Amino acid sequence: MKCSYCNRNAVYFQRYSGKHFCKKHFINFFEKKVRGVIKKYEMIKSGDVIAIALSGGKDSVTLTNFLLEQYGGRRDLDFFAITIDEGIANYREKTLIVAEKVTKALGIEHYVVSFKDNFGTTLDEMVRVGEKLPCTYCGVMRKYLLNRTARELSATKLATAHNLDDEAQTILMNFINADIDRLARLIPQREQEGLVMRIKPFREVYEKEVVIYGFLKGYELIFDECPYSELPVRAPIRDFIYEFEKEHPGRKISILRSLEKLSDCLKMTNPQIDLKRCEICREPTSQNICQTCKLISELSGKIAVKYCKSLVYNRKPRL
């Protein structure tokens, strides 16, 4: 098939729009789309110090390269990367190597923060002895360490590589669980003390478009899946949306747009509350004790888990 914009051979067919793209026009489409999202939500402003959540996986590698190529030349912006090492055997070691290569090539600071150093144990050990699902421990503690590290390193924004697939799954999962509070939190709201504002430049592009862009740009991508990825409730929702999208192209975008149309109502029915400080670690939380400290307390009688009040990270300096 030929490109819808020129006579070159197409490399990608966008089912929801019916358009074919050659390499050149797909790259142009993707970059214009993501820059438009960043502008629409005012994700990047002059003077920002942007921490990039770089796992080393395909999406975060593409995001890191994209941000530095598109915005890295601006003197009014600064970037650095944070990698969380949860301690997942035969998985995280590979992505750490990729993350180090990416940050070295781009010349940005790289901070590696591990569960082992900060909580005294690894995710694998937590899963072995704990009663919660792996993604409960990982999700809560990853967010905790990302926010804490970004804040202590003076970041004004924390960029994550969540794409349209991720957003659609989260929206539908929260709706099915009747968790309207979490649904409301997906809507950009005012800044809150202690929380570094999250930005998601890829939130309106499909996961496969992120992968194709990274591949066409020649980034080093690995496609290993987390060994725990099939266990949580998100997996069947992901599969359902995938099948629905296959039969009815554009449904993922519709899910995102539905949330946007409900945003004003959600802000009224679920207003953003002022955060407290956790009685144990003093990190921001909506309750008296944050979820991380609750999980650590539950695990403390089973393994030598601890909470390190002084953040521990390994700095990978730019070379």
C-alpha atoms as a PDB file:
ATOM      1  CA  MET A   1       0.000   0.000   0.000  1.00  0.00           C
ATOM      2  CA  LYS A   2       1.039   3.564  -0.662  1.00  0.00           C
ATOM      3  CA  CYS A   3       1.203   6.383   1.870  1.00  0.00           C
ATOM      4  CA  SER A   4      -1.952   8.516   2.041  1.00  0.00           C
ATOM      5  CA  TYR A   5       0.227  11.642   1.750  1.00  0.00           C
ATOM      6  CA  CYS A   6       2.834  10.677  -0.851  1.00  0.00           C
ATOM      7  CA  ASN A   7       3.884   7.934  -3.256  1.00  0.00           C
ATOM      8  CA  ARG A   8       6.145   6.082  -0.812  1.00  0.00           C
ATOM      9  CA  ASN A   9       5.361   2.613   0.497  1.00  0.00           C
ATOM     10  CA  ALA A  10       3.341   2.643   3.718  1.00  0.00           C
ATOM     11  CA  VAL A  11       4.801   1.209   6.915  1.00  0.00           C
ATOM     12  CA  TYR A  12       1.715   1.650   9.108  1.00  0.00           C
ATOM     13  CA  PHE A  13      -2.044   1.547   8.645  1.00  0.00           C
ATOM     14  CA  GLN A  14      -4.012   3.572  11.188  1.00  0.00           C
ATOM     15  CA  ARG A  15      -7.301   1.688  11.380  1.00  0.00           C
ATOM     16  CA  TYR A  16      -9.356   4.326  13.203  1.00  0.00           C
ATOM     17  CA  SER A  17      -8.529   7.023  10.612  1.00  0.00           C
ATOM     18  CA  GLY A  18      -8.195   4.776   7.553  1.00  0.00           C
ATOM     19  CA  LYS A  19      -4.837   6.371   6.673  1.00  0.00           C
ATOM     20  CA  HIS A  20      -1.606   4.756   5.533  1.00  0.00           C
ATOM     21  CA  PHE A  21       1.713   6.295   6.579  1.00  0.00           C
ATOM     22  CA  CYS A  22       5.185   6.001   5.136  1.00  0.00           C
ATOM     23  CA  LYS A  23       8.127   6.303   7.507  1.00  0.00           C
ATOM     24  CA  LYS A  24       8.517  10.049   7.013  1.00  0.00           C
ATOM     25  CA  HIS A  25       4.866  10.939   7.409  1.00  0.00           C
ATOM     26  CA  PHE A  26       4.331   8.608  10.364  1.00  0.00           C
ATOM     27  CA  ILE A  27       7.216  10.219  12.249  1.00  0.00           C
ATOM     28  CA  ASN A  28       5.804  13.649  11.375  1.00  0.00           C
ATOM     29  CA  PHE A  29       2.317  12.592  12.538  1.00  0.00           C
ATOM     30  CA  PHE A  30       3.580  11.155  15.816  1.00  0.00           C
ATOM     31  CA  GLU A  31       5.779  14.110  16.736  1.00  0.00           C
ATOM     32  CA  LYS A  32       3.089  16.639  15.855  1.00  0.00           C
ATOM     33  CA  LYS A  33       0.499  14.677  17.858  1.00  0.00           C
ATOM     34  CA  VAL A  34       2.615  14.418  20.999  1.00  0.00           C
ATOM     35  CA  ARG A  35       3.777  18.031  20.825  1.00  0.00           C
ATOM     36  CA  GLY A  36       0.118  18.990  20.496  1.00  0.00           C
ATOM     37  CA  VAL A  37      -0.796  17.023  23.630  1.00  0.00           C
ATOM     38  CA  ILE A  38       2.048  18.659  25.562  1.00  0.00           C
ATOM     39  CA  LYS A  39       0.838  22.098  24.461  1.00  0.00           C
ATOM     40  CA  LYS A  40      -2.851  21.297  25.070  1.00  0.00           C
ATOM     41  CA  TYR A  41      -2.291  20.342  28.710  1.00  0.00           C
ATOM     42  CA  GLU A  42       0.589  22.791  29.269  1.00  0.00           C
ATOM     43  CA  MET A  43       2.792  19.894  30.346  1.00  0.00           C
ATOM     44  CA  ILE A  44       6.077  21.708  29.795  1.00  0.00           C
ATOM     45  CA  LYS A  45       6.722  25.324  30.725  1.00  0.00           C
ATOM     46  CA  SER A  46       9.793  27.533  30.793  1.00  0.00           C
ATOM     47  CA  GLY A  47      11.931  26.859  33.871  1.00  0.00           C
ATOM     48  CA  ASP A  48      10.743  23.274  34.359  1.00  0.00           C
ATOM     49  CA  VAL A  49      13.068  20.633  35.754  1.00  0.00           C
ATOM     50  CA  ILE A  50      11.655  17.406  34.342  1.00  0.00           C
ATOM     51  CA  ALA A  51      12.283  14.015  35.907  1.00  0.00           C
ATOM     52  CA  ILE A  52      11.643  11.174  33.451  1.00  0.00           C
ATOM     53  CA  ALA A  53      10.478   7.830  34.825  1.00  0.00           C
ATOM     54  CA  LEU A  54      12.797   5.590  32.789  1.00  0.00           C
ATOM     55  CA  SER A  55      12.233   1.881  33.401  1.00  0.00           C
ATOM     56  CA  GLY A  56      14.279   0.870  30.368  1.00  0.00           C
ATOM     57  CA  GLY A  57      11.238  -0.638  28.664  1.00  0.00           C
ATOM     58  CA  LYS A  58      10.191   0.276  25.137  1.00  0.00           C
ATOM     59  CA  ASP A  59       7.745   3.058  26.065  1.00  0.00           C
ATOM     60  CA  SER A  60       9.969   4.876  28.546  1.00  0.00           C
ATOM     61  CA  VAL A  61      13.011   4.625  26.266  1.00  0.00           C
ATOM     62  CA  THR A  62      10.983   6.181  23.450  1.00  0.00           C
ATOM     63  CA  LEU A  63       9.660   8.915  25.757  1.00  0.00           C
ATOM     64  CA  THR A  64      13.133   9.805  27.039  1.00  0.00           C
ATOM     65  CA  ASN A  65      14.566  10.062  23.538  1.00  0.00           C
ATOM     66  CA  PHE A  66      11.545  12.030  22.305  1.00  0.00           C
ATOM     67  CA  LEU A  67      11.694  14.621  25.097  1.00  0.00           C
ATOM     68  CA  LEU A  68      15.431  15.166  24.762  1.00  0.00           C
ATOM     69  CA  GLU A  69      15.304  15.380  20.961  1.00  0.00           C
ATOM     70  CA  GLN A  70      12.324  17.735  20.908  1.00  0.00           C
ATOM     71  CA  TYR A  71      13.019  19.858  23.999  1.00  0.00           C
ATOM     72  CA  GLY A  72      16.544  19.033  25.154  1.00  0.00           C
ATOM     73  CA  GLY A  73      18.046  21.962  23.282  1.00  0.00           C
ATOM     74  CA  ARG A  74      16.120  24.535  25.297  1.00  0.00           C
ATOM     75  CA  ARG A  75      18.242  26.319  27.884  1.00  0.00           C
ATOM     76  CA  ASP A  76      15.199  27.062  30.044  1.00  0.00           C
ATOM     77  CA  LEU A  77      14.557  23.337  30.664  1.00  0.00           C
ATOM     78  CA  ASP A  78      16.483  20.639  32.491  1.00  0.00           C
ATOM     79  CA  PHE A  79      16.016  16.868  32.352  1.00  0.00           C
ATOM     80  CA  PHE A  80      17.154  13.861  34.374  1.00  0.00           C
ATOM     81  CA  ALA A  81      16.011  10.235  34.603  1.00  0.00           C
ATOM     82  CA  ILE A  82      14.903   8.054  37.506  1.00  0.00           C
ATOM     83  CA  THR A  83      14.860   4.256  37.321  1.00  0.00           C
ATOM     84  CA  ILE A  84      13.152   2.227  40.042  1.00  0.00           C
ATOM     85  CA  ASP A  85      14.764  -1.171  40.619  1.00  0.00           C
ATOM     86  CA  GLU A  86      12.037  -3.234  42.274  1.00  0.00           C
ATOM     87  CA  GLY A  87      14.159  -6.359  42.456  1.00  0.00           C
ATOM     88  CA  ILE A  88      12.469  -8.583  39.855  1.00  0.00           C
ATOM     89  CA  ALA A  89      14.873 -11.404  39.016  1.00  0.00           C
ATOM     90  CA  ASN A  90      15.791 -11.993  35.352  1.00  0.00           C
ATOM     91  CA  TYR A  91      13.838  -8.925  34.251  1.00  0.00           C
ATOM     92  CA  ARG A  92      14.879  -5.604  35.758  1.00  0.00           C
ATOM     93  CA  GLU A  93      18.602  -6.257  35.237  1.00  0.00           C
ATOM     94  CA  LYS A  94      18.107  -6.127  31.455  1.00  0.00           C
ATOM     95  CA  THR A  95      16.140  -2.898  31.436  1.00  0.00           C
ATOM     96  CA  LEU A  96      18.631  -1.230  33.787  1.00  0.00           C
ATOM     97  CA  ILE A  97      21.382  -1.819  31.237  1.00  0.00           C
ATOM     98  CA  VAL A  98      19.267  -0.198  28.508  1.00  0.00           C
ATOM     99  CA  ALA A  99      18.370   2.752  30.759  1.00  0.00           C
ATOM    100  CA  GLU A 100      22.039   3.407  31.488  1.00  0.00           C
ATOM    101  CA  LYS A 101      22.885   3.315  27.759  1.00  0.00           C
ATOM    102  CA  VAL A 102      20.083   5.756  26.930  1.00  0.00           C
ATOM    103  CA  THR A 103      21.006   8.316  29.587  1.00  0.00           C
ATOM    104  CA  LYS A 104      24.689   8.087  28.725  1.00  0.00           C
ATOM    105  CA  ALA A 105      23.969   8.663  25.030  1.00  0.00           C
ATOM    106  CA  LEU A 106      21.684  11.629  25.789  1.00  0.00           C
ATOM    107  CA  GLY A 107      24.037  13.090  28.406  1.00  0.00           C
ATOM    108  CA  ILE A 108      21.528  13.359  31.256  1.00  0.00           C
ATOM    109  CA  GLU A 109      21.828  12.445  34.927  1.00  0.00           C
ATOM    110  CA  HIS A 110      20.505   8.999  35.844  1.00  0.00           C
ATOM    111  CA  TYR A 111      19.379   8.023  39.345  1.00  0.00           C
ATOM    112  CA  VAL A 112      18.693   4.375  40.216  1.00  0.00           C
ATOM    113  CA  VAL A 113      16.491   3.879  43.280  1.00  0.00           C
ATOM    114  CA  SER A 114      15.953   0.353  44.577  1.00  0.00           C
ATOM    115  CA  PHE A 115      13.364  -1.312  46.796  1.00  0.00           C
ATOM    116  CA  LYS A 116      16.208  -3.179  48.492  1.00  0.00           C
ATOM    117  CA  ASP A 117      18.037  -0.015  49.572  1.00  0.00           C
ATOM    118  CA  ASN A 118      14.939   1.891  50.647  1.00  0.00           C
ATOM    119  CA  PHE A 119      12.646  -0.835  51.994  1.00  0.00           C
ATOM    120  CA  GLY A 120      15.167  -3.488  52.980  1.00  0.00           C
ATOM    121  CA  THR A 121      13.826  -6.131  50.594  1.00  0.00           C
ATOM    122  CA  THR A 122      12.857  -6.801  46.977  1.00  0.00           C
ATOM    123  CA  LEU A 123       9.497  -7.084  45.258  1.00  0.00           C
ATOM    124  CA  ASP A 124      10.114 -10.794  44.632  1.00  0.00           C
ATOM    125  CA  GLU A 125      10.460 -11.342  48.384  1.00  0.00           C
ATOM    126  CA  MET A 126       7.371  -9.244  49.137  1.00  0.00           C
ATOM    127  CA  VAL A 127       5.334 -11.333  46.711  1.00  0.00           C
ATOM    128  CA  ARG A 128       6.671 -14.574  48.163  1.00  0.00           C
ATOM    129  CA  VAL A 129       5.558 -13.844  51.732  1.00  0.00           C
ATOM    130  CA  GLY A 130       2.832 -11.229  51.325  1.00  0.00           C
ATOM    131  CA  GLU A 131      -0.881 -11.643  50.682  1.00  0.00           C
ATOM    132  CA  LYS A 132      -1.336  -8.808  48.180  1.00  0.00           C
ATOM    133  CA  LEU A 133      -1.024  -9.036  44.401  1.00  0.00           C
ATOM    134  CA  PRO A 134       2.426  -8.131  43.001  1.00  0.00           C
ATOM    135  CA  CYS A 135       1.106  -4.980  41.307  1.00  0.00           C
ATOM    136  CA  THR A 136      -0.283  -3.722  44.609  1.00  0.00           C
ATOM    137  CA  TYR A 137       3.173  -3.656  46.189  1.00  0.00           C
ATOM    138  CA  CYS A 138       4.897  -2.507  43.002  1.00  0.00           C
ATOM    139  CA  GLY A 139       2.408   0.182  42.021  1.00  0.00           C
ATOM    140  CA  VAL A 140       2.219   1.805  45.448  1.00  0.00           C
ATOM    141  CA  MET A 141       5.930   1.701  46.212  1.00  0.00           C
ATOM    142  CA  ARG A 142       7.104   2.685  42.737  1.00  0.00           C
ATOM    143  CA  LYS A 143       4.918   5.796  42.808  1.00  0.00           C
ATOM    144  CA  TYR A 144       6.152   6.558  46.309  1.00  0.00           C
ATOM    145  CA  LEU A 145       9.839   6.385  45.338  1.00  0.00           C
ATOM    146  CA  LEU A 146       9.362   8.183  42.016  1.00  0.00           C
ATOM    147  CA  ASN A 147       7.605  11.119  43.653  1.00  0.00           C
ATOM    148  CA  ARG A 148       9.983  11.299  46.601  1.00  0.00           C
ATOM    149  CA  THR A 149      13.096  11.115  44.421  1.00  0.00           C
ATOM    150  CA  ALA A 150      11.801  13.654  41.900  1.00  0.00           C
ATOM    151  CA  ARG A 151      10.851  16.074  44.689  1.00  0.00           C
ATOM    152  CA  GLU A 152      14.136  15.754  46.569  1.00  0.00           C
ATOM    153  CA  LEU A 153      16.011  16.370  43.305  1.00  0.00           C
ATOM    154  CA  SER A 154      13.983  19.581  42.763  1.00  0.00           C
ATOM    155  CA  ALA A 155      11.921  18.387  39.793  1.00  0.00           C
ATOM    156  CA  THR A 156       8.870  20.451  38.866  1.00  0.00           C
ATOM    157  CA  LYS A 157       7.367  17.726  36.629  1.00  0.00           C
ATOM    158  CA  LEU A 158       7.522  13.936  36.543  1.00  0.00           C
ATOM    159  CA  ALA A 159       7.101  12.533  33.021  1.00  0.00           C
ATOM    160  CA  THR A 160       5.776   8.999  32.619  1.00  0.00           C
ATOM    161  CA  ALA A 161       5.360   6.955  29.434  1.00  0.00           C
ATOM    162  CA  HIS A 162       1.686   6.067  29.920  1.00  0.00           C
ATOM    163  CA  ASN A 163       0.073   5.742  26.479  1.00  0.00           C
ATOM    164  CA  LEU A 164      -3.538   5.661  25.257  1.00  0.00           C
ATOM    165  CA  ASP A 165      -3.822   1.926  25.964  1.00  0.00           C
ATOM    166  CA  ASP A 166      -2.739   2.476  29.583  1.00  0.00           C
ATOM    167  CA  GLU A 167      -5.149   5.384  30.046  1.00  0.00           C
ATOM    168  CA  ALA A 168      -8.126   3.519  28.546  1.00  0.00           C
ATOM    169  CA  GLN A 169      -7.455   0.481  30.743  1.00  0.00           C
ATOM    170  CA  THR A 170      -7.168   2.579  33.891  1.00  0.00           C
ATOM    171  CA  ILE A 171     -10.355   4.525  33.147  1.00  0.00           C
ATOM    172  CA  LEU A 172     -12.404   1.391  32.487  1.00  0.00           C
ATOM    173  CA  MET A 173     -10.910  -0.485  35.444  1.00  0.00           C
ATOM    174  CA  ASN A 174     -11.780   2.321  37.857  1.00  0.00           C
ATOM    175  CA  PHE A 175     -15.287   2.573  36.410  1.00  0.00           C
ATOM    176  CA  ILE A 176     -15.898  -1.178  36.705  1.00  0.00           C
ATOM    177  CA  ASN A 177     -14.642  -1.081  40.307  1.00  0.00           C
ATOM    178  CA  ALA A 178     -16.891   1.932  41.029  1.00  0.00           C
ATOM    179  CA  ASP A 179     -13.748   3.736  42.190  1.00  0.00           C
ATOM    180  CA  ILE A 180     -14.862   7.218  41.196  1.00  0.00           C
ATOM    181  CA  ASP A 181     -12.267   8.873  43.448  1.00  0.00           C
ATOM    182  CA  ARG A 182      -9.437   7.297  41.456  1.00  0.00           C
ATOM    183  CA  LEU A 183     -11.234   8.090  38.226  1.00  0.00           C
ATOM    184  CA  ALA A 184     -11.384  11.760  39.203  1.00  0.00           C
ATOM    185  CA  ARG A 185      -7.655  11.776  39.957  1.00  0.00           C
ATOM    186  CA  LEU A 186      -6.913  11.066  36.285  1.00  0.00           C
ATOM    187  CA  ILE A 187      -8.119  14.568  35.445  1.00  0.00           C
ATOM    188  CA  PRO A 188      -5.392  17.242  35.592  1.00  0.00           C
ATOM    189  CA  GLN A 189      -6.003  19.350  38.703  1.00  0.00           C
ATOM    190  CA  ARG A 190      -4.192  21.908  40.793  1.00  0.00           C
ATOM    191  CA  GLU A 191      -0.731  21.357  42.204  1.00  0.00           C
ATOM    192  CA  GLN A 192      -0.503  19.838  45.667  1.00  0.00           C
ATOM    193  CA  GLU A 193       2.266  20.350  48.175  1.00  0.00           C
ATOM    194  CA  GLY A 194       4.652  17.417  48.322  1.00  0.00           C
ATOM    195  CA  LEU A 195       3.497  15.884  45.029  1.00  0.00           C
ATOM    196  CA  VAL A 196       5.468  16.472  41.848  1.00  0.00           C
ATOM    197  CA  MET A 197       3.014  17.094  39.002  1.00  0.00           C
ATOM    198  CA  ARG A 198       2.850  14.143  36.625  1.00  0.00           C
ATOM    199  CA  ILE A 199       2.769  14.624  32.873  1.00  0.00           C
ATOM    200  CA  LYS A 200       1.917  11.987  30.264  1.00  0.00           C
ATOM    201  CA  PRO A 201       2.988  13.151  26.794  1.00  0.00           C
ATOM    202  CA  PHE A 202       1.943   9.835  25.166  1.00  0.00           C
ATOM    203  CA  ARG A 203      -1.574   9.727  26.672  1.00  0.00           C
ATOM    204  CA  GLU A 204      -3.307  10.191  23.291  1.00  0.00           C
ATOM    205  CA  VAL A 205      -1.229   7.832  21.124  1.00  0.00           C
ATOM    206  CA  TYR A 206      -1.631   4.066  20.867  1.00  0.00           C
ATOM    207  CA  GLU A 207       0.965   1.778  22.409  1.00  0.00           C
ATOM    208  CA  LYS A 208       1.740   0.261  19.005  1.00  0.00           C
ATOM    209  CA  GLU A 209       2.313   3.760  17.602  1.00  0.00           C
ATOM    210  CA  VAL A 210       4.831   4.439  20.375  1.00  0.00           C
ATOM    211  CA  VAL A 211       6.617   1.184  19.491  1.00  0.00           C
ATOM    212  CA  ILE A 212       6.574   1.872  15.747  1.00  0.00           C
ATOM    213  CA  TYR A 213       7.933   5.379  16.288  1.00  0.00           C
ATOM    214  CA  GLY A 214      10.744   4.060  18.498  1.00  0.00           C
ATOM    215  CA  PHE A 215      11.557   1.354  15.970  1.00  0.00           C
ATOM    216  CA  LEU A 216      11.602   3.750  13.009  1.00  0.00           C
ATOM    217  CA  LYS A 217      13.817   6.156  14.943  1.00  0.00           C
ATOM    218  CA  GLY A 218      16.292   3.373  15.671  1.00  0.00           C
ATOM    219  CA  TYR A 219      16.034   3.421  19.475  1.00  0.00           C
ATOM    220  CA  GLU A 220      17.225   0.396  21.429  1.00  0.00           C
ATOM    221  CA  LEU A 221      13.988  -1.309  22.443  1.00  0.00           C
ATOM    222  CA  ILE A 222      13.454  -4.478  24.426  1.00  0.00           C
ATOM    223  CA  PHE A 223      10.103  -6.225  24.528  1.00  0.00           C
ATOM    224  CA  ASP A 224      10.400  -8.344  27.667  1.00  0.00           C
ATOM    225  CA  GLU A 225       7.204  -8.303  29.736  1.00  0.00           C
ATOM    226  CA  CYS A 226       7.201  -8.121  33.504  1.00  0.00           C
ATOM    227  CA  PRO A 227       6.701 -11.677  34.841  1.00  0.00           C
ATOM    228  CA  TYR A 228       3.880 -10.395  37.053  1.00  0.00           C
ATOM    229  CA  SER A 229       1.992  -8.598  34.263  1.00  0.00           C
ATOM    230  CA  GLU A 230      -0.638 -11.320  33.752  1.00  0.00           C
ATOM    231  CA  LEU A 231      -1.700 -11.536  37.397  1.00  0.00           C
ATOM    232  CA  PRO A 232      -3.628  -8.326  38.204  1.00  0.00           C
ATOM    233  CA  VAL A 233      -7.228  -7.430  37.323  1.00  0.00           C
ATOM    234  CA  ARG A 234      -5.901  -5.127  34.585  1.00  0.00           C
ATOM    235  CA  ALA A 235      -5.004  -8.081  32.331  1.00  0.00           C
ATOM    236  CA  PRO A 236      -8.571  -9.161  31.401  1.00  0.00           C
ATOM    237  CA  ILE A 237      -9.616  -5.516  30.986  1.00  0.00           C
ATOM    238  CA  ARG A 238      -6.630  -4.977  28.689  1.00  0.00           C
ATOM    239  CA  ASP A 239      -7.639  -8.010  26.619  1.00  0.00           C
ATOM    240  CA  PHE A 240     -11.282  -6.910  26.462  1.00  0.00           C
ATOM    241  CA  ILE A 241     -10.387  -3.424  25.208  1.00  0.00           C
ATOM    242  CA  TYR A 242      -7.972  -4.929  22.678  1.00  0.00           C
ATOM    243  CA  GLU A 243     -10.677  -7.159  21.199  1.00  0.00           C
ATOM    244  CA  PHE A 244     -13.256  -4.351  21.237  1.00  0.00           C
ATOM    245  CA  GLU A 245     -10.816  -1.998  19.494  1.00  0.00           C
ATOM    246  CA  LYS A 246     -10.121  -4.643  16.862  1.00  0.00           C
ATOM    247  CA  GLU A 247     -13.825  -4.838  15.989  1.00  0.00           C
ATOM    248  CA  HIS A 248     -14.523  -1.115  16.447  1.00  0.00           C
ATOM    249  CA  PRO A 249     -11.386   1.003  15.738  1.00  0.00           C
ATOM    250  CA  GLY A 250     -11.113   4.182  17.766  1.00  0.00           C
ATOM    251  CA  ARG A 251     -12.795   2.925  20.945  1.00  0.00           C
ATOM    252  CA  LYS A 252      -9.721   3.595  23.079  1.00  0.00           C
ATOM    253  CA  ILE A 253      -9.844   7.232  22.059  1.00  0.00           C
ATOM    254  CA  SER A 254     -13.584   7.271  22.822  1.00  0.00           C
ATOM    255  CA  ILE A 255     -12.936   6.022  26.362  1.00  0.00           C
ATOM    256  CA  LEU A 256     -10.441   8.845  26.939  1.00  0.00           C
ATOM    257  CA  ARG A 257     -12.777  11.453  25.464  1.00  0.00           C
ATOM    258  CA  SER A 258     -15.624  10.183  27.671  1.00  0.00           C
ATOM    259  CA  LEU A 259     -13.548  10.909  30.768  1.00  0.00           C
ATOM    260  CA  GLU A 260     -12.770  14.383  29.471  1.00  0.00           C
ATOM    261  CA  LYS A 261     -16.494  15.088  28.941  1.00  0.00           C
ATOM    262  CA  LEU A 262     -17.189  13.950  32.511  1.00  0.00           C
ATOM    263  CA  SER A 263     -14.340  16.004  33.973  1.00  0.00           C
ATOM    264  CA  ASP A 264     -16.433  18.966  35.122  1.00  0.00           C
ATOM    265  CA  CYS A 265     -18.952  16.686  36.862  1.00  0.00           C
ATOM    266  CA  LEU A 266     -16.212  14.647  38.525  1.00  0.00           C
ATOM    267  CA  LYS A 267     -14.541  17.783  39.838  1.00  0.00           C
ATOM    268  CA  MET A 268     -17.832  18.778  41.480  1.00  0.00           C
ATOM    269  CA  THR A 269     -18.751  15.365  42.927  1.00  0.00           C
ATOM    270  CA  ASN A 270     -15.192  14.382  43.856  1.00  0.00           C
ATOM    271  CA  PRO A 271     -13.319  17.598  44.653  1.00  0.00           C
ATOM    272  CA  GLN A 272      -9.595  17.401  45.248  1.00  0.00           C
ATOM    273  CA  ILE A 273      -8.875  17.284  48.966  1.00  0.00           C
ATOM    274  CA  ASP A 274      -5.955  18.833  50.779  1.00  0.00           C
ATOM    275  CA  LEU A 275      -3.352  16.220  51.571  1.00  0.00           C
ATOM    276  CA  LYS A 276      -2.086  15.376  55.035  1.00  0.00           C
ATOM    277  CA  ARG A 277       1.374  14.193  56.043  1.00  0.00           C
ATOM    278  CA  CYS A 278       1.850  10.503  56.851  1.00  0.00           C
ATOM    279  CA  GLU A 279       2.307  10.069  60.600  1.00  0.00           C
ATOM    280  CA  ILE A 280       5.196   7.674  59.972  1.00  0.00           C
ATOM    281  CA  CYS A 281       7.178   8.902  56.958  1.00  0.00           C
ATOM    282  CA  ARG A 282       5.775  12.446  56.566  1.00  0.00           C
ATOM    283  CA  GLU A 283       5.073  11.929  52.863  1.00  0.00           C
ATOM    284  CA  PRO A 284       1.817  13.384  51.431  1.00  0.00           C
ATOM    285  CA  THR A 285      -1.280  11.198  51.791  1.00  0.00           C
ATOM    286  CA  SER A 286      -5.054  11.498  51.937  1.00  0.00           C
ATOM    287  CA  GLN A 287      -5.124   9.405  55.126  1.00  0.00           C
ATOM    288  CA  ASN A 288      -3.288   9.473  58.446  1.00  0.00           C
ATOM    289  CA  ILE A 289      -0.870   6.766  57.318  1.00  0.00           C
ATOM    290  CA  CYS A 290       0.167   6.405  53.662  1.00  0.00           C
ATOM    291  CA  GLN A 291      -0.366   3.188  51.732  1.00  0.00           C
ATOM    292  CA  THR A 292       3.358   2.458  51.513  1.00  0.00           C
ATOM    293  CA  CYS A 293       3.762   2.521  55.287  1.00  0.00           C
ATOM    294  CA  LYS A 294       0.662   0.322  55.683  1.00  0.00           C
ATOM    295  CA  LEU A 295       2.126  -2.278  53.332  1.00  0.00           C
ATOM    296  CA  ILE A 296       5.485  -2.149  55.090  1.00  0.00           C
ATOM    297  CA  SER A 297       3.730  -2.648  58.429  1.00  0.00           C
ATOM    298  CA  GLU A 298       1.868  -5.700  57.097  1.00  0.00           C
ATOM    299  CA  LEU A 299       5.086  -7.225  55.800  1.00  0.00           C
ATOM    300  CA  SER A 300       7.256  -6.384  58.810  1.00  0.00           C
ATOM    301  CA  GLY A 301       6.296  -9.509  60.743  1.00  0.00           C
ATOM    302  CA  LYS A 302       7.140 -11.783  57.819  1.00  0.00           C
ATOM    303  CA  ILE A 303      10.396 -10.379  56.406  1.00  0.00           C
ATOM    304  CA  ALA A 304      13.003  -7.841  57.426  1.00  0.00           C
ATOM    305  CA  VAL A 305      11.254  -5.019  55.610  1.00  0.00           C
ATOM    306  CA  LYS A 306      11.967  -1.481  56.769  1.00  0.00           C
ATOM    307  CA  TYR A 307      11.407   2.125  55.832  1.00  0.00           C
ATOM    308  CA  CYS A 308      14.484   4.196  55.113  1.00  0.00           C
ATOM    309  CA  LYS A 309      13.835   7.807  56.122  1.00  0.00           C
ATOM    310  CA  SER A 310      16.877   9.021  54.193  1.00  0.00           C
ATOM    311  CA  LEU A 311      16.393   8.358  50.473  1.00  0.00           C
ATOM    312  CA  VAL A 312      19.014   6.007  49.045  1.00  0.00           C
ATOM    313  CA  TYR A 313      19.848   6.164  45.345  1.00  0.00           C
ATOM    314  CA  ASN A 314      22.744   5.416  43.031  1.00  0.00           C
ATOM    315  CA  ARG A 315      23.661   8.288  40.746  1.00  0.00           C
ATOM    316  CA  LYS A 316      24.820   7.446  37.233  1.00  0.00           C
ATOM    317  CA  PRO A 317      26.654  10.641  36.195  1.00  0.00           C
ATOM    318  CA  ARG A 318      26.632  11.982  32.673  1.00  0.00           C
ATOM    319  CA  LEU A 319      29.844  11.094  30.839  1.00  0.00           C
END
